[in-house]
Structures are given as C-alpha cells and as structure tokens.
C-alpha atoms as a PDB file:
ATOM      1  CA  ASN A   1      22.348   7.745  22.277  1.00  0.00           C
ATOM      2  CA  LEU A   2      19.157   8.444  20.323  1.00  0.00           C
ATOM      3  CA  SER A   3      19.447   9.183  16.615  1.00  0.00           C
ATOM      4  CA  ASN A   4      16.874   9.824  13.932  1.00  0.00           C
ATOM      5  CA  ASN A   5      17.632  10.196  10.232  1.00  0.00           C
ATOM      6  CA  THR A   6      15.213  11.090   7.425  1.00  0.00           C
ATOM      7  CA  MET A   7      16.008  11.584   3.761  1.00  0.00           C
ATOM      8  CA  ASN A   8      13.776  12.927   1.016  1.00  0.00           C
ATOM      9  CA  LEU A   9      14.506  12.701  -2.680  1.00  0.00           C
ATOM     10  CA  GLU A  10      13.368  15.506  -4.967  1.00  0.00           C
ATOM     11  CA  PHE A  11      14.125  15.840  -8.646  1.00  0.00           C
ATOM     12  CA  THR A  12      13.457  17.942 -11.708  1.00  0.00           C
ATOM     13  CA  VAL A  13      13.773  16.936 -15.343  1.00  0.00           C
ATOM     14  CA  THR A  14      14.371  19.492 -18.062  1.00  0.00           C
ATOM     15  CA  GLU A  15      13.696  18.426 -21.624  1.00  0.00           C
ATOM     16  CA  THR A  16      15.170  20.172 -24.656  1.00  0.00           C
ATOM     17  CA  ILE A  17      13.993  19.208 -28.130  1.00  0.00           C
ATOM     18  CA  THR A  18      15.833  20.479 -31.213  1.00  0.00           C
ATOM     19  CA  ARG A  19      13.852  20.595 -34.443  1.00  0.00           C
ATOM     20  CA  HIS A  20      14.812  21.423 -37.999  1.00  0.00           C
ATOM     21  CA  ASN A  21      11.942  22.167 -40.390  1.00  0.00           C
ATOM     22  CA  GLY A  22       9.527  20.709 -37.831  1.00  0.00           C
ATOM     23  CA  ILE A  23      11.397  17.389 -37.568  1.00  0.00           C
ATOM     24  CA  ILE A  24      12.955  16.411 -34.238  1.00  0.00           C
ATOM     25  CA  ASN A  25      16.722  16.086 -34.649  1.00  0.00           C
ATOM     26  CA  GLU A  26      17.759  15.775 -31.012  1.00  0.00           C
ATOM     27  CA  ILE A  27      16.277  15.176 -27.593  1.00  0.00           C
ATOM     28  CA  TYR A  28      18.174  16.051 -24.439  1.00  0.00           C
ATOM     29  CA  PHE A  29      17.286  15.589 -20.773  1.00  0.00           C
ATOM     30  CA  GLU A  30      18.907  17.097 -17.704  1.00  0.00           C
ATOM     31  CA  PHE A  31      18.093  15.480 -14.370  1.00  0.00           C
ATOM     32  CA  GLU A  32      18.698  17.401 -11.169  1.00  0.00           C
ATOM     33  CA  GLU A  33      18.349  15.287  -8.063  1.00  0.00           C
ATOM     34  CA  PHE A  34      18.207  16.751  -4.572  1.00  0.00           C
ATOM     35  CA  ILE A  35      18.637  14.717  -1.427  1.00  0.00           C
ATOM     36  CA  VAL A  36      17.372  16.542   1.614  1.00  0.00           C
ATOM     37  CA  GLY A  37      18.196  15.001   4.953  1.00  0.00           C
ATOM     38  CA  ASN A  38      17.540  15.703   8.591  1.00  0.00           C
ATOM     39  CA  THR A  39      19.712  14.042  11.163  1.00  0.00           C
ATOM     40  CA  SER A  40      19.270  14.342  14.861  1.00  0.00           C
ATOM     41  CA  VAL A  41      21.451  12.859  17.567  1.00  0.00           C
ATOM     42  CA  GLY A  42      20.261  13.624  21.055  1.00  0.00           C
ATOM     43  CA  ILE A  43      19.471  17.343  21.072  1.00  0.00           C
ATOM     44  CA  THR A  44      21.524  18.160  17.952  1.00  0.00           C
ATOM     45  CA  ASN A  45      19.690  18.606  14.635  1.00  0.00           C
ATOM     46  CA  LYS A  46      21.389  18.910  11.276  1.00  0.00           C
ATOM     47  CA  LYS A  47      19.860  19.637   7.854  1.00  0.00           C
ATOM     48  CA  GLU A  48      21.739  18.654   4.748  1.00  0.00           C
ATOM     49  CA  ARG A  49      20.909  19.235   1.074  1.00  0.00           C
ATOM     50  CA  ARG A  50      22.962  17.613  -1.663  1.00  0.00           C
ATOM     51  CA  SER A  51      22.397  17.786  -5.388  1.00  0.00           C
ATOM     52  CA  ARG A  52      23.566  15.864  -8.415  1.00  0.00           C
ATOM     53  CA  ILE A  53      23.045  16.603 -12.105  1.00  0.00           C
ATOM     54  CA  SER A  54      22.918  13.945 -14.827  1.00  0.00           C
ATOM     55  CA  GLU A  55      22.432  14.367 -18.544  1.00  0.00           C
ATOM     56  CA  ALA A  56      21.200  12.172 -21.371  1.00  0.00           C
ATOM     57  CA  GLY A  57      20.600  12.968 -24.991  1.00  0.00           C
ATOM     58  CA  ILE A  58      20.595  11.502 -28.461  1.00  0.00           C
ATOM     59  CA  THR A  59      20.426  12.829 -31.990  1.00  0.00           C
ATOM     60  CA  ARG A  60      18.481  11.279 -34.832  1.00  0.00           C
ATOM     61  CA  ASN A  61      21.766  10.304 -36.559  1.00  0.00           C
ATOM     62  CA  GLU A  62      23.186   8.702 -33.395  1.00  0.00           C
ATOM     63  CA  TYR A  63      19.963   6.746 -32.854  1.00  0.00           C
ATOM     64  CA  ASN A  64      19.876   5.511 -36.452  1.00  0.00           C
ATOM     65  CA  LYS A  65      23.483   4.260 -36.119  1.00  0.00           C
ATOM     66  CA  LEU A  66      22.781   2.479 -32.813  1.00  0.00           C
ATOM     67  CA  ALA A  67      19.242   1.155 -33.307  1.00  0.00           C
ATOM     68  CA  LYS A  68      19.016  -2.583 -33.876  1.00  0.00           C
ATOM     69  CA  ASN A  69      15.225  -2.617 -34.061  1.00  0.00           C
ATOM     70  CA  PRO A  70      12.605  -1.291 -36.460  1.00  0.00           C
ATOM     71  CA  LEU A  71      11.491   1.451 -34.050  1.00  0.00           C
ATOM     72  CA  SER A  72      11.868   4.840 -35.723  1.00  0.00           C
ATOM     73  CA  PHE A  73      13.505   7.748 -33.906  1.00  0.00           C
ATOM     74  CA  ASP A  74      10.142   9.547 -33.712  1.00  0.00           C
ATOM     75  CA  ASN A  75       8.465   6.498 -32.135  1.00  0.00           C
ATOM     76  CA  PHE A  76      11.447   6.056 -29.792  1.00  0.00           C
ATOM     77  CA  ILE A  77      10.853   9.589 -28.514  1.00  0.00           C
ATOM     78  CA  LEU A  78       7.115   8.949 -28.084  1.00  0.00           C
ATOM     79  CA  VAL A  79       7.864   5.823 -26.028  1.00  0.00           C
ATOM     80  CA  ILE A  80      10.702   7.173 -23.886  1.00  0.00           C
ATOM     81  CA  ARG A  81       9.239  10.571 -22.921  1.00  0.00           C
ATOM     82  CA  PRO A  82       6.544   9.406 -20.449  1.00  0.00           C
ATOM     83  CA  PHE A  83       9.096   7.220 -18.656  1.00  0.00           C
ATOM     84  CA  ILE A  84      11.755   9.909 -18.375  1.00  0.00           C
ATOM     85  CA  MET A  85       9.471  12.853 -17.680  1.00  0.00           C
ATOM     86  CA  GLY A  86       7.414  10.919 -15.132  1.00  0.00           C
ATOM     87  CA  TYR A  87       4.071  11.968 -16.595  1.00  0.00           C
ATOM     88  CA  TYR A  88       2.180  11.858 -19.852  1.00  0.00           C
ATOM     89  CA  GLU A  89      -0.248  14.112 -21.654  1.00  0.00           C
ATOM     90  CA  ASN A  90      -3.408  13.398 -23.616  1.00  0.00           C
ATOM     91  CA  ASP A  91      -3.015  10.090 -25.454  1.00  0.00           C
ATOM     92  CA  GLU A  92       0.788   9.701 -25.114  1.00  0.00           C
ATOM     93  CA  LEU A  93       0.457   6.562 -22.991  1.00  0.00           C
ATOM     94  CA  LYS A  94      -1.990   5.006 -25.450  1.00  0.00           C
ATOM     95  CA  GLN A  95       0.393   5.820 -28.334  1.00  0.00           C
ATOM     96  CA  THR A  96       3.288   4.311 -26.391  1.00  0.00           C
ATOM     97  CA  PHE A  97       1.343   1.112 -25.786  1.00  0.00           C
ATOM     98  CA  GLN A  98       0.329   0.832 -29.447  1.00  0.00           C
ATOM     99  CA  ILE A  99       3.930   1.316 -30.576  1.00  0.00           C
ATOM    100  CA  LEU A 100       5.273  -1.371 -28.224  1.00  0.00           C
ATOM    101  CA  ASP A 101       2.451  -3.882 -28.841  1.00  0.00           C
ATOM    102  CA  ASN A 102       3.896  -5.054 -32.172  1.00  0.00           C
ATOM    103  CA  ASN A 103       1.593  -8.051 -32.609  1.00  0.00           C
ATOM    104  CA  LYS A 104      -1.519  -6.050 -31.562  1.00  0.00           C
ATOM    105  CA  SER A 105      -2.429  -8.645 -28.913  1.00  0.00           C
ATOM    106  CA  GLY A 106      -3.588  -6.029 -26.406  1.00  0.00           C
ATOM    107  CA  SER A 107      -0.607  -6.663 -24.132  1.00  0.00           C
ATOM    108  CA  ILE A 108       3.127  -6.069 -24.228  1.00  0.00           C
ATOM    109  CA  ASP A 109       5.031  -9.309 -23.822  1.00  0.00           C
ATOM    110  CA  ILE A 110       8.629  -9.625 -22.713  1.00  0.00           C
ATOM    111  CA  ASN A 111       9.932  -9.975 -26.281  1.00  0.00           C
ATOM    112  CA  GLU A 112       8.219  -6.768 -27.386  1.00  0.00           C
ATOM    113  CA  LEU A 113       9.644  -4.975 -24.375  1.00  0.00           C
ATOM    114  CA  ALA A 114      13.103  -6.423 -25.048  1.00  0.00           C
ATOM    115  CA  ASN A 115      12.916  -5.220 -28.666  1.00  0.00           C
ATOM    116  CA  PHE A 116      12.402  -1.712 -27.379  1.00  0.00           C
END
C-alpha cells in the first residue's frame, strides 16, 4: 500500500481602512486561507481544496478603551500592518522599528516587544 500526500497553503488578506476627515477610524482584515491537497493511494489520485475565512478588526474607540500602553492607534496600525499583510512598502518597516524601539537603543528588547 503506497500512499503520498502533499498539502499547500495559500492565503489572501484583504484590508479595509475607514477614514473620517482623513483620520483612520477603523481597520479591518479578512483572511482567506486555502488548503490544497493531493492524495494518492496506489493508482488513485484525489485533489482536495478547502477554504476558511477569518476576520479581525478594531476601531479607534475600541483600541483606546483596550490599550494599556502609550502606543497611539495610528502607531498601532503602522506597526501591525506589515505583520498582518505579510509585506511592507517604502519605509514602513523602518517606522515600525522606530515606534517599537522606545529607548532608541537600536534594538527592540523583550520588554519593548511585550509593551506592544
């Protein structure tokens, strides 16, 4: 009995930003994850594709009620976007580093990361 299984994970992230008078009031992400699998047992081959959708979002008011650190909602968005989207543009990563490096030591220590 010979069997061979392979699975690939694919995903897309959709970001929706709501602004009022140019100020971000809400950020919302929808994650769609696809698992594509090939299974073969002997001479039988089977392809399977499953999907799952997850959502995450927060408003400025919700963040301000929950936040226990001095990080503003705008800075929170700057920090979280590259991690959630899986890429960064221009100087977003540099901005993220500067926001998290509170003591300006040139590195992010565990306490600074925990504060985030």
